[in-house]
PDB file of N, CA and C in Angstrom:
ATOM      1  N   MET A   1       6.926  -5.584  17.775  1.00  0.00           N
ATOM      2  CA  MET A   1       7.546  -5.854  16.874  1.00  0.00           C
ATOM      3  C   MET A   1       7.074  -6.662  15.589  1.00  0.00           C
ATOM      4  N   SER A   2       6.911  -6.029  14.487  1.00  0.00           N
ATOM      5  CA  SER A   2       6.171  -6.935  13.543  1.00  0.00           C
ATOM      6  C   SER A   2       7.018  -8.269  13.023  1.00  0.00           C
ATOM      7  N   ALA A   3       6.574  -9.125  12.577  1.00  0.00           N
ATOM      8  CA  ALA A   3       7.163 -10.151  12.095  1.00  0.00           C
ATOM      9  C   ALA A   3       7.747 -10.072  10.606  1.00  0.00           C
ATOM     10  N   TYR A   4       7.007  -9.089  10.050  1.00  0.00           N
ATOM     11  CA  TYR A   4       7.145  -8.823   8.595  1.00  0.00           C
ATOM     12  C   TYR A   4       8.227  -7.497   8.361  1.00  0.00           C
ATOM     13  N   PRO A   5       8.718  -7.441   7.406  1.00  0.00           N
ATOM     14  CA  PRO A   5       9.787  -6.494   7.015  1.00  0.00           C
ATOM     15  C   PRO A   5       9.056  -5.099   6.909  1.00  0.00           C
ATOM     16  N   ASP A   6       9.926  -3.899   7.000  1.00  0.00           N
ATOM     17  CA  ASP A   6       9.274  -2.813   6.894  1.00  0.00           C
ATOM     18  C   ASP A   6      10.304  -2.383   5.701  1.00  0.00           C
ATOM     19  N   VAL A   7       9.512  -1.382   4.713  1.00  0.00           N
ATOM     20  CA  VAL A   7      10.407  -0.928   3.601  1.00  0.00           C
ATOM     21  C   VAL A   7      10.209   0.735   3.735  1.00  0.00           C
ATOM     22  N   THR A   8      11.370   1.346   4.039  1.00  0.00           N
ATOM     23  CA  THR A   8      11.282   2.672   4.252  1.00  0.00           C
ATOM     24  C   THR A   8      10.907   3.415   2.489  1.00  0.00           C
ATOM     25  N   VAL A   9      10.131   4.504   2.864  1.00  0.00           N
ATOM     26  CA  VAL A   9      10.124   5.159   1.637  1.00  0.00           C
ATOM     27  C   VAL A   9      11.455   5.558   0.732  1.00  0.00           C
ATOM     28  N   SER A  10      12.332   5.706   1.230  1.00  0.00           N
ATOM     29  CA  SER A  10      13.477   6.197   0.564  1.00  0.00           C
ATOM     30  C   SER A  10      13.920   4.641  -0.364  1.00  0.00           C
ATOM     31  N   ASP A  11      13.267   3.607   0.242  1.00  0.00           N
ATOM     32  CA  ASP A  11      13.787   2.173  -0.580  1.00  0.00           C
ATOM     33  C   ASP A  11      13.267   2.025  -1.650  1.00  0.00           C
ATOM     34  N   LEU A  12      11.845   3.079  -2.049  1.00  0.00           N
ATOM     35  CA  LEU A  12      11.088   2.243  -3.126  1.00  0.00           C
ATOM     36  C   LEU A  12      11.633   3.692  -4.360  1.00  0.00           C
ATOM     37  N   SER A  13      11.227   3.211  -5.332  1.00  0.00           N
ATOM     38  CA  SER A  13      11.325   4.359  -6.705  1.00  0.00           C
ATOM     39  C   SER A  13       9.811   4.832  -6.837  1.00  0.00           C
ATOM     40  N   ASP A  14       9.895   6.156  -7.465  1.00  0.00           N
ATOM     41  CA  ASP A  14       8.824   7.030  -7.529  1.00  0.00           C
ATOM     42  C   ASP A  14       7.615   6.090  -7.913  1.00  0.00           C
ATOM     43  N   ASP A  15       7.952   5.145  -8.868  1.00  0.00           N
ATOM     44  CA  ASP A  15       6.783   4.025  -9.476  1.00  0.00           C
ATOM     45  C   ASP A  15       6.828   2.980  -9.077  1.00  0.00           C
ATOM     46  N   ALA A  16       7.260   2.782  -7.869  1.00  0.00           N
ATOM     47  CA  ALA A  16       7.011   1.261  -7.349  1.00  0.00           C
ATOM     48  C   ALA A  16       5.504   1.100  -7.113  1.00  0.00           C
ATOM     49  N   VAL A  17       5.285  -0.237  -7.266  1.00  0.00           N
ATOM     50  CA  VAL A  17       3.758  -0.746  -7.262  1.00  0.00           C
ATOM     51  C   VAL A  17       3.657  -0.991  -5.623  1.00  0.00           C
ATOM     52  N   VAL A  18       2.640  -0.562  -4.918  1.00  0.00           N
ATOM     53  CA  VAL A  18       2.471  -0.916  -3.731  1.00  0.00           C
ATOM     54  C   VAL A  18       0.883  -1.006  -3.371  1.00  0.00           C
ATOM     55  N   LEU A  19       0.356  -1.997  -2.609  1.00  0.00           N
ATOM     56  CA  LEU A  19      -1.015  -2.330  -2.382  1.00  0.00           C
ATOM     57  C   LEU A  19      -1.345  -0.961  -1.277  1.00  0.00           C
ATOM     58  N   ASP A  20      -2.416  -0.367  -2.058  1.00  0.00           N
ATOM     59  CA  ASP A  20      -2.788   0.631  -0.929  1.00  0.00           C
ATOM     60  C   ASP A  20      -4.222   0.010  -0.524  1.00  0.00           C
ATOM     61  N   ILE A  21      -4.353  -0.193   1.039  1.00  0.00           N
ATOM     62  CA  ILE A  21      -5.653  -0.672   1.457  1.00  0.00           C
ATOM     63  C   ILE A  21      -6.587   0.149   2.278  1.00  0.00           C
ATOM     64  N   ARG A  22      -6.336   1.355   1.850  1.00  0.00           N
ATOM     65  CA  ARG A  22      -7.070   2.624   2.302  1.00  0.00           C
ATOM     66  C   ARG A  22      -8.641   2.664   1.659  1.00  0.00           C
ATOM     67  N   GLU A  23      -9.612   3.172   2.385  1.00  0.00           N
ATOM     68  CA  GLU A  23     -10.734   3.320   1.779  1.00  0.00           C
ATOM     69  C   GLU A  23     -10.859   4.357   0.566  1.00  0.00           C
ATOM     70  N   GLN A  24     -11.863   4.250  -0.030  1.00  0.00           N
ATOM     71  CA  GLN A  24     -11.877   5.001  -0.878  1.00  0.00           C
ATOM     72  C   GLN A  24     -11.897   6.451  -0.925  1.00  0.00           C
ATOM     73  N   ASP A  25     -12.353   7.095  -0.088  1.00  0.00           N
ATOM     74  CA  ASP A  25     -12.326   8.724   0.021  1.00  0.00           C
ATOM     75  C   ASP A  25     -10.997   9.009   0.535  1.00  0.00           C
ATOM     76  N   GLU A  26      -9.994   7.937   1.276  1.00  0.00           N
ATOM     77  CA  GLU A  26      -8.602   8.299   1.656  1.00  0.00           C
ATOM     78  C   GLU A  26      -8.095   8.512   0.445  1.00  0.00           C
ATOM     79  N   TRP A  27      -8.208   7.273  -0.538  1.00  0.00           N
ATOM     80  CA  TRP A  27      -7.540   7.054  -1.851  1.00  0.00           C
ATOM     81  C   TRP A  27      -7.710   8.196  -2.801  1.00  0.00           C
ATOM     82  N   ASP A  28      -8.890   8.711  -2.834  1.00  0.00           N
ATOM     83  CA  ASP A  28      -9.448   9.943  -3.775  1.00  0.00           C
ATOM     84  C   ASP A  28      -8.459  11.029  -3.342  1.00  0.00           C
ATOM     85  N   ARG A  29      -8.096  11.096  -2.025  1.00  0.00           N
ATOM     86  CA  ARG A  29      -7.650  12.101  -1.714  1.00  0.00           C
ATOM     87  C   ARG A  29      -5.923  12.706  -1.967  1.00  0.00           C
ATOM     88  N   GLY A  30      -5.531  11.467  -2.248  1.00  0.00           N
ATOM     89  CA  GLY A  30      -4.129  11.179  -2.347  1.00  0.00           C
ATOM     90  C   GLY A  30      -3.453   9.609  -2.332  1.00  0.00           C
ATOM     91  N   HIS A  31      -2.900   9.529  -3.463  1.00  0.00           N
ATOM     92  CA  HIS A  31      -2.237   8.027  -3.833  1.00  0.00           C
ATOM     93  C   HIS A  31      -0.990   8.120  -4.878  1.00  0.00           C
ATOM     94  N   ALA A  32      -0.312   7.200  -4.478  1.00  0.00           N
ATOM     95  CA  ALA A  32       0.870   6.917  -5.231  1.00  0.00           C
ATOM     96  C   ALA A  32       0.119   6.517  -6.627  1.00  0.00           C
ATOM     97  N   PRO A  33       0.973   7.201  -8.017  1.00  0.00           N
ATOM     98  CA  PRO A  33       0.312   7.027  -8.967  1.00  0.00           C
ATOM     99  C   PRO A  33       0.241   5.566  -9.211  1.00  0.00           C
ATOM    100  N   THR A  34       1.240   4.803  -9.074  1.00  0.00           N
ATOM    101  CA  THR A  34       1.498   3.304  -9.552  1.00  0.00           C
ATOM    102  C   THR A  34       1.084   2.239  -8.410  1.00  0.00           C
ATOM    103  N   ALA A  35       0.012   2.855  -7.519  1.00  0.00           N
ATOM    104  CA  ALA A  35      -0.466   1.699  -6.539  1.00  0.00           C
ATOM    105  C   ALA A  35      -1.695   1.055  -7.091  1.00  0.00           C
ATOM    106  N   VAL A  36      -1.748   0.041  -6.338  1.00  0.00           N
ATOM    107  CA  VAL A  36      -3.040  -0.893  -6.810  1.00  0.00           C
ATOM    108  C   VAL A  36      -3.938  -0.566  -5.451  1.00  0.00           C
ATOM    109  N   HIS A  37      -5.220  -0.123  -5.773  1.00  0.00           N
ATOM    110  CA  HIS A  37      -6.071  -0.030  -4.329  1.00  0.00           C
ATOM    111  C   HIS A  37      -7.014  -1.000  -4.721  1.00  0.00           C
ATOM    112  N   ILE A  38      -7.044  -1.332  -3.278  1.00  0.00           N
ATOM    113  CA  ILE A  38      -7.964  -2.426  -2.736  1.00  0.00           C
ATOM    114  C   ILE A  38      -8.138  -2.436  -1.451  1.00  0.00           C
ATOM    115  N   PRO A  39      -9.249  -1.859  -0.842  1.00  0.00           N
ATOM    116  CA  PRO A  39      -9.985  -1.261   0.267  1.00  0.00           C
ATOM    117  C   PRO A  39      -9.460  -2.535   1.340  1.00  0.00           C
ATOM    118  N   MET A  40      -9.016  -2.543   2.412  1.00  0.00           N
ATOM    119  CA  MET A  40      -9.036  -3.609   3.382  1.00  0.00           C
ATOM    120  C   MET A  40     -10.426  -4.539   3.326  1.00  0.00           C
ATOM    121  N   SER A  41     -11.403  -3.724   3.358  1.00  0.00           N
ATOM    122  CA  SER A  41     -12.790  -4.337   3.774  1.00  0.00           C
ATOM    123  C   SER A  41     -13.175  -5.314   2.483  1.00  0.00           C
ATOM    124  N   GLU A  42     -12.552  -4.896   1.335  1.00  0.00           N
ATOM    125  CA  GLU A  42     -12.896  -5.789  -0.181  1.00  0.00           C
ATOM    126  C   GLU A  42     -11.838  -6.875  -0.306  1.00  0.00           C
ATOM    127  N   LEU A  43     -10.658  -6.696   0.361  1.00  0.00           N
ATOM    128  CA  LEU A  43      -9.517  -7.642  -0.111  1.00  0.00           C
ATOM    129  C   LEU A  43      -9.930  -9.104   0.009  1.00  0.00           C
ATOM    130  N   PRO A  44     -10.570  -9.562   0.837  1.00  0.00           N
ATOM    131  CA  PRO A  44     -11.161 -11.280   0.576  1.00  0.00           C
ATOM    132  C   PRO A  44     -11.694 -11.573  -0.676  1.00  0.00           C
ATOM    133  N   ALA A  45     -12.580 -10.601  -1.201  1.00  0.00           N
ATOM    134  CA  ALA A  45     -13.276 -10.684  -2.480  1.00  0.00           C
ATOM    135  C   ALA A  45     -12.581 -10.453  -3.377  1.00  0.00           C
ATOM    136  N   ARG A  46     -11.423  -9.732  -3.439  1.00  0.00           N
ATOM    137  CA  ARG A  46     -10.621  -9.091  -4.528  1.00  0.00           C
ATOM    138  C   ARG A  46      -9.208  -9.750  -4.746  1.00  0.00           C
ATOM    139  N   VAL A  47      -8.958 -10.527  -3.549  1.00  0.00           N
ATOM    140  CA  VAL A  47      -7.609 -11.061  -3.785  1.00  0.00           C
ATOM    141  C   VAL A  47      -7.223 -11.528  -4.830  1.00  0.00           C
ATOM    142  N   ASP A  48      -7.939 -12.114  -5.665  1.00  0.00           N
ATOM    143  CA  ASP A  48      -7.373 -12.727  -7.068  1.00  0.00           C
ATOM    144  C   ASP A  48      -6.800 -11.775  -7.906  1.00  0.00           C
ATOM    145  N   GLU A  49      -7.182 -10.142  -7.766  1.00  0.00           N
ATOM    146  CA  GLU A  49      -6.359  -8.914  -8.683  1.00  0.00           C
ATOM    147  C   GLU A  49      -4.852  -9.108  -8.227  1.00  0.00           C
ATOM    148  N   LEU A  50      -4.529  -9.877  -7.193  1.00  0.00           N
ATOM    149  CA  LEU A  50      -2.848  -9.415  -7.060  1.00  0.00           C
ATOM    150  C   LEU A  50      -2.274 -10.691  -7.644  1.00  0.00           C
ATOM    151  N   ALA A  51      -3.106 -11.468  -8.126  1.00  0.00           N
ATOM    152  CA  ALA A  51      -2.128 -12.702  -8.770  1.00  0.00           C
ATOM    153  C   ALA A  51      -0.851 -12.252  -9.500  1.00  0.00           C
ATOM    154  N   PRO A  52      -0.796 -11.087 -10.287  1.00  0.00           N
ATOM    155  CA  PRO A  52       0.090 -10.991 -11.098  1.00  0.00           C
ATOM    156  C   PRO A  52       1.606 -10.786  -9.935  1.00  0.00           C
ATOM    157  N   PHE A  53       1.205 -10.322  -8.844  1.00  0.00           N
ATOM    158  CA  PHE A  53       2.170 -10.235  -7.687  1.00  0.00           C
ATOM    159  C   PHE A  53       3.027 -11.557  -7.021  1.00  0.00           C
ATOM    160  N   LEU A  54       2.179 -12.725  -7.366  1.00  0.00           N
ATOM    161  CA  LEU A  54       2.541 -13.779  -6.705  1.00  0.00           C
ATOM    162  C   LEU A  54       4.044 -14.566  -7.302  1.00  0.00           C
ATOM    163  N   ASP A  55       4.532 -14.041  -8.103  1.00  0.00           N
ATOM    164  CA  ASP A  55       5.730 -14.804  -8.598  1.00  0.00           C
ATOM    165  C   ASP A  55       6.822 -13.686  -8.808  1.00  0.00           C
ATOM    166  N   ARG A  56       6.717 -12.392  -7.901  1.00  0.00           N
ATOM    167  CA  ARG A  56       7.608 -11.671  -7.963  1.00  0.00           C
ATOM    168  C   ARG A  56       8.934 -12.030  -7.044  1.00  0.00           C
ATOM    169  N   ASP A  57      10.119 -11.668  -7.370  1.00  0.00           N
ATOM    170  CA  ASP A  57      10.964 -11.846  -6.386  1.00  0.00           C
ATOM    171  C   ASP A  57      11.029 -10.784  -5.387  1.00  0.00           C
ATOM    172  N   GLU A  58      10.298  -9.957  -5.377  1.00  0.00           N
ATOM    173  CA  GLU A  58      10.520  -9.224  -4.026  1.00  0.00           C
ATOM    174  C   GLU A  58       9.097  -9.066  -3.404  1.00  0.00           C
ATOM    175  N   PRO A  59       9.093  -8.595  -2.238  1.00  0.00           N
ATOM    176  CA  PRO A  59       7.911  -8.709  -1.452  1.00  0.00           C
ATOM    177  C   PRO A  59       6.615  -7.789  -1.875  1.00  0.00           C
ATOM    178  N   LEU A  60       5.489  -8.137  -1.874  1.00  0.00           N
ATOM    179  CA  LEU A  60       4.190  -7.052  -2.290  1.00  0.00           C
ATOM    180  C   LEU A  60       4.566  -6.010  -0.744  1.00  0.00           C
ATOM    181  N   VAL A  61       4.617  -4.684  -1.107  1.00  0.00           N
ATOM    182  CA  VAL A  61       4.691  -3.930  -0.120  1.00  0.00           C
ATOM    183  C   VAL A  61       3.293  -3.284  -0.163  1.00  0.00           C
ATOM    184  N   ILE A  62       2.667  -2.971   1.392  1.00  0.00           N
ATOM    185  CA  ILE A  62       1.511  -2.506   1.519  1.00  0.00           C
ATOM    186  C   ILE A  62       1.339  -1.341   2.129  1.00  0.00           C
ATOM    187  N   THR A  63       0.345  -0.695   2.005  1.00  0.00           N
ATOM    188  CA  THR A  63       0.388   0.895   2.717  1.00  0.00           C
ATOM    189  C   THR A  63      -0.896   0.942   3.042  1.00  0.00           C
ATOM    190  N   CYS A  64      -1.293   1.670   4.174  1.00  0.00           N
ATOM    191  CA  CYS A  64      -2.396   2.321   4.532  1.00  0.00           C
ATOM    192  C   CYS A  64      -1.983   3.633   4.987  1.00  0.00           C
ATOM    193  N   ARG A  65      -2.771   4.445   5.686  1.00  0.00           N
ATOM    194  CA  ARG A  65      -2.689   5.795   6.269  1.00  0.00           C
ATOM    195  C   ARG A  65      -1.187   6.139   6.919  1.00  0.00           C
ATOM    196  N   SER A  66      -0.844   4.922   8.225  1.00  0.00           N
ATOM    197  CA  SER A  66       0.189   5.232   8.843  1.00  0.00           C
ATOM    198  C   SER A  66       0.505   3.873   9.282  1.00  0.00           C
ATOM    199  N   GLY A  67       0.025   2.732   8.912  1.00  0.00           N
ATOM    200  CA  GLY A  67       0.562   1.239   8.822  1.00  0.00           C
ATOM    201  C   GLY A  67      -0.258   0.244   9.923  1.00  0.00           C
ATOM    202  N   GLY A  68      -1.283   1.012  10.887  1.00  0.00           N
ATOM    203  CA  GLY A  68      -2.265   0.139  11.428  1.00  0.00           C
ATOM    204  C   GLY A  68      -2.953  -1.231  10.696  1.00  0.00           C
ATOM    205  N   ARG A  69      -3.427  -0.639   9.681  1.00  0.00           N
ATOM    206  CA  ARG A  69      -4.405  -1.841   8.894  1.00  0.00           C
ATOM    207  C   ARG A  69      -3.618  -2.338   8.221  1.00  0.00           C
ATOM    208  N   VAL A  70      -2.269  -2.350   8.130  1.00  0.00           N
ATOM    209  CA  VAL A  70      -1.256  -3.497   7.149  1.00  0.00           C
ATOM    210  C   VAL A  70      -1.114  -4.319   8.303  1.00  0.00           C
ATOM    211  N   GLN A  71      -0.587  -3.964   9.315  1.00  0.00           N
ATOM    212  CA  GLN A  71      -0.507  -5.081  10.267  1.00  0.00           C
ATOM    213  C   GLN A  71      -1.623  -6.126  10.357  1.00  0.00           C
ATOM    214  N   ARG A  72      -2.686  -5.521   9.991  1.00  0.00           N
ATOM    215  CA  ARG A  72      -3.687  -6.745  10.240  1.00  0.00           C
ATOM    216  C   ARG A  72      -3.866  -7.324   9.158  1.00  0.00           C
ATOM    217  N   VAL A  73      -3.761  -7.013   7.877  1.00  0.00           N
ATOM    218  CA  VAL A  73      -3.855  -7.852   6.632  1.00  0.00           C
ATOM    219  C   VAL A  73      -2.388  -8.366   6.481  1.00  0.00           C
ATOM    220  N   MET A  74      -1.501  -8.287   6.646  1.00  0.00           N
ATOM    221  CA  MET A  74      -0.283  -8.894   6.221  1.00  0.00           C
ATOM    222  C   MET A  74      -0.355 -10.550   6.660  1.00  0.00           C
ATOM    223  N   PRO A  75      -0.914 -11.016   7.678  1.00  0.00           N
ATOM    224  CA  PRO A  75      -0.798 -12.377   8.089  1.00  0.00           C
ATOM    225  C   PRO A  75      -1.709 -13.157   7.141  1.00  0.00           C
ATOM    226  N   TRP A  76      -2.977 -12.752   6.729  1.00  0.00           N
ATOM    227  CA  TRP A  76      -3.718 -12.887   6.140  1.00  0.00           C
ATOM    228  C   TRP A  76      -3.370 -13.393   4.391  1.00  0.00           C
ATOM    229  N   LEU A  77      -2.668 -11.952   4.029  1.00  0.00           N
ATOM    230  CA  LEU A  77      -2.364 -12.525   2.809  1.00  0.00           C
ATOM    231  C   LEU A  77      -0.689 -13.133   2.493  1.00  0.00           C
ATOM    232  N   GLU A  78      -0.226 -13.271   3.732  1.00  0.00           N
ATOM    233  CA  GLU A  78       0.890 -14.490   3.573  1.00  0.00           C
ATOM    234  C   GLU A  78       0.335 -15.762   3.505  1.00  0.00           C
ATOM    235  N   GLN A  79      -0.923 -15.772   4.408  1.00  0.00           N
ATOM    236  CA  GLN A  79      -1.348 -17.365   4.352  1.00  0.00           C
ATOM    237  C   GLN A  79      -1.975 -17.725   2.786  1.00  0.00           C
ATOM    238  N   GLN A  80      -1.969 -16.544   2.127  1.00  0.00           N
ATOM    239  CA  GLN A  80      -2.777 -17.069   0.571  1.00  0.00           C
ATOM    240  C   GLN A  80      -1.446 -16.893  -0.346  1.00  0.00           C
ATOM    241  N   GLY A  81      -0.368 -16.818   0.212  1.00  0.00           N
ATOM    242  CA  GLY A  81       0.951 -17.230  -0.700  1.00  0.00           C
ATOM    243  C   GLY A  81       1.543 -16.011  -0.781  1.00  0.00           C
ATOM    244  N   TYR A  82       1.444 -14.754  -0.259  1.00  0.00           N
ATOM    245  CA  TYR A  82       2.141 -13.446  -0.855  1.00  0.00           C
ATOM    246  C   TYR A  82       3.495 -13.320   0.150  1.00  0.00           C
ATOM    247  N   GLU A  83       4.451 -13.103  -0.278  1.00  0.00           N
ATOM    248  CA  GLU A  83       5.427 -12.209   0.348  1.00  0.00           C
ATOM    249  C   GLU A  83       5.248 -11.038   0.552  1.00  0.00           C
ATOM    250  N   VAL A  84       5.142 -10.512   1.744  1.00  0.00           N
ATOM    251  CA  VAL A  84       4.403  -9.053   2.084  1.00  0.00           C
ATOM    252  C   VAL A  84       5.531  -8.342   2.964  1.00  0.00           C
ATOM    253  N   ALA A  85       5.574  -6.779   2.773  1.00  0.00           N
ATOM    254  CA  ALA A  85       6.239  -6.005   3.385  1.00  0.00           C
ATOM    255  C   ALA A  85       5.307  -4.810   3.652  1.00  0.00           C
ATOM    256  N   ASN A  86       5.535  -4.092   5.122  1.00  0.00           N
ATOM    257  CA  ASN A  86       4.792  -2.962   5.055  1.00  0.00           C
ATOM    258  C   ASN A  86       5.837  -1.738   4.789  1.00  0.00           C
ATOM    259  N   LEU A  87       4.867  -0.656   4.254  1.00  0.00           N
ATOM    260  CA  LEU A  87       5.569   0.656   3.946  1.00  0.00           C
ATOM    261  C   LEU A  87       5.814   1.324   5.435  1.00  0.00           C
ATOM    262  N   ALA A  88       6.931   1.483   5.628  1.00  0.00           N
ATOM    263  CA  ALA A  88       7.229   2.282   6.806  1.00  0.00           C
ATOM    264  C   ALA A  88       6.484   3.361   6.789  1.00  0.00           C
ATOM    265  N   GLY A  89       5.749   3.716   7.707  1.00  0.00           N
ATOM    266  CA  GLY A  89       5.131   5.356   8.076  1.00  0.00           C
ATOM    267  C   GLY A  89       3.894   5.441   7.266  1.00  0.00           C
ATOM    268  N   GLY A  90       3.495   4.359   6.334  1.00  0.00           N
ATOM    269  CA  GLY A  90       2.073   4.411   5.506  1.00  0.00           C
ATOM    270  C   GLY A  90       2.486   5.730   4.392  1.00  0.00           C
ATOM    271  N   MET A  91       1.111   5.976   4.140  1.00  0.00           N
ATOM    272  CA  MET A  91       1.178   7.078   3.015  1.00  0.00           C
ATOM    273  C   MET A  91       1.547   8.243   3.442  1.00  0.00           C
ATOM    274  N   ARG A  92       1.465   8.642   5.151  1.00  0.00           N
ATOM    275  CA  ARG A  92       1.957   9.866   5.651  1.00  0.00           C
ATOM    276  C   ARG A  92       3.235   9.918   5.089  1.00  0.00           C
ATOM    277  N   ALA A  93       4.357   8.949   5.480  1.00  0.00           N
ATOM    278  CA  ALA A  93       5.670   9.070   5.163  1.00  0.00           C
ATOM    279  C   ALA A  93       5.811   9.255   3.842  1.00  0.00           C
ATOM    280  N   TRP A  94       5.000   8.600   2.598  1.00  0.00           N
ATOM    281  CA  TRP A  94       5.311   8.942   1.345  1.00  0.00           C
ATOM    282  C   TRP A  94       4.878  10.231   0.838  1.00  0.00           C
ATOM    283  N   HIS A  95       3.837  11.051   1.470  1.00  0.00           N
ATOM    284  CA  HIS A  95       3.737  12.120   1.457  1.00  0.00           C
ATOM    285  C   HIS A  95       4.682  13.176   1.701  1.00  0.00           C
ATOM    286  N   ALA A  96       5.215  12.916   3.083  1.00  0.00           N
ATOM    287  CA  ALA A  96       5.981  13.644   3.812  1.00  0.00           C
ATOM    288  C   ALA A  96       7.184  13.900   3.016  1.00  0.00           C
ATOM    289  N   ALA A  97       7.624  12.862   2.354  1.00  0.00           N
ATOM    290  CA  ALA A  97       8.996  12.432   1.337  1.00  0.00           C
ATOM    291  C   ALA A  97       8.928  13.245   0.349  1.00  0.00           C
ATOM    292  N   GLY A  98       7.643  13.691  -0.104  1.00  0.00           N
ATOM    293  CA  GLY A  98       7.131  14.378  -1.436  1.00  0.00           C
ATOM    294  C   GLY A  98       7.423  13.472  -2.427  1.00  0.00           C
ATOM    295  N   LYS A  99       7.229  12.397  -2.583  1.00  0.00           N
ATOM    296  CA  LYS A  99       7.115  11.403  -3.519  1.00  0.00           C
ATOM    297  C   LYS A  99       5.670  11.705  -4.583  1.00  0.00           C
ATOM    298  N   PRO A 100       5.726  11.305  -5.634  1.00  0.00           N
ATOM    299  CA  PRO A 100       4.494  11.620  -6.361  1.00  0.00           C
ATOM    300  C   PRO A 100       3.213  11.140  -5.941  1.00  0.00           C
ATOM    301  N   MET A 101       2.138  12.010  -5.754  1.00  0.00           N
ATOM    302  CA  MET A 101       0.997  11.436  -5.431  1.00  0.00           C
ATOM    303  C   MET A 101      -0.103  12.279  -6.675  1.00  0.00           C
ATOM    304  N   GLU A 102      -1.184  11.346  -6.710  1.00  0.00           N
ATOM    305  CA  GLU A 102      -2.402  11.991  -7.563  1.00  0.00           C
ATOM    306  C   GLU A 102      -3.569  11.793  -6.750  1.00  0.00           C
ATOM    307  N   THR A 103      -4.533  12.527  -7.330  1.00  0.00           N
ATOM    308  CA  THR A 103      -6.001  12.783  -6.531  1.00  0.00           C
ATOM    309  C   THR A 103      -7.236  12.549  -7.499  1.00  0.00           C
ATOM    310  N   ALA A 104      -8.299  12.247  -7.239  1.00  0.00           N
ATOM    311  CA  ALA A 104      -9.373  11.610  -7.896  1.00  0.00           C
ATOM    312  C   ALA A 104      -9.853  13.168  -8.605  1.00  0.00           C
ATOM    313  N   ASP A 105      -9.444  14.265  -8.122  1.00  0.00           N
ATOM    314  CA  ASP A 105     -10.271  15.552  -8.552  1.00  0.00           C
ATOM    315  C   ASP A 105      -9.036  16.671  -9.177  1.00  0.00           C
ATOM    316  N   GLY A 106      -7.677  16.185  -9.031  1.00  0.00           N
ATOM    317  CA  GLY A 106      -6.835  16.907  -9.403  1.00  0.00           C
ATOM    318  C   GLY A 106      -6.289  18.012  -8.704  1.00  0.00           C
ATOM    319  N   SER A 107      -6.794  18.092  -7.433  1.00  0.00           N
ATOM    320  CA  SER A 107      -6.629  19.108  -6.353  1.00  0.00           C
ATOM    321  C   SER A 107      -5.149  18.304  -5.751  1.00  0.00           C
ATOM    322  N   ALA A 108      -4.689  19.523  -4.838  1.00  0.00           N
ATOM    323  CA  ALA A 108      -3.836  19.113  -3.885  1.00  0.00           C
ATOM    324  C   ALA A 108      -3.650  17.835  -3.346  1.00  0.00           C
ATOM    325  N   ALA A 109      -2.688  16.791  -3.245  1.00  0.00           N
ATOM    326  CA  ALA A 109      -2.901  15.667  -2.344  1.00  0.00           C
ATOM    327  C   ALA A 109      -2.734  15.856  -0.800  1.00  0.00           C
ATOM    328  N   GLU A 110      -3.506  15.297  -0.451  1.00  0.00           N
ATOM    329  CA  GLU A 110      -3.409  15.172   1.125  1.00  0.00           C
ATOM    330  C   GLU A 110      -3.520  13.929   1.861  1.00  0.00           C
ATOM    331  N   VAL A 111      -2.928  13.519   2.968  1.00  0.00           N
ATOM    332  CA  VAL A 111      -3.289  12.234   3.476  1.00  0.00           C
ATOM    333  C   VAL A 111      -3.500  12.610   5.102  1.00  0.00           C
ATOM    334  N   PRO A 112      -4.552  12.972   5.622  1.00  0.00           N
ATOM    335  CA  PRO A 112      -5.080  13.379   6.508  1.00  0.00           C
ATOM    336  C   PRO A 112      -4.925  12.386   7.508  1.00  0.00           C
TER     337      PRO A 112
END
């Protein structure tokens, strides 16, 4: 059981800002149009890019493919002062729900 809240895909608007921590090739194959992309491996070096999210009233929703990587980064982000939440089911759930997605080359989005 996670100590962090889960946010379901149905709780988010289509233009919700989420932090996508998947690798570049995963991102290129399909991502939410308004997502912020910082791969998990780059997060420590790029965390300052998240500064605009520090003062929001709602948590920063984080996603990966299915949730495993999110569980590893949430404690670290919390230590940096962020209120965080997990996108339940990750990008697989977002895709399955028919939410809008973009790809790097304009092809049909997929979340392998």
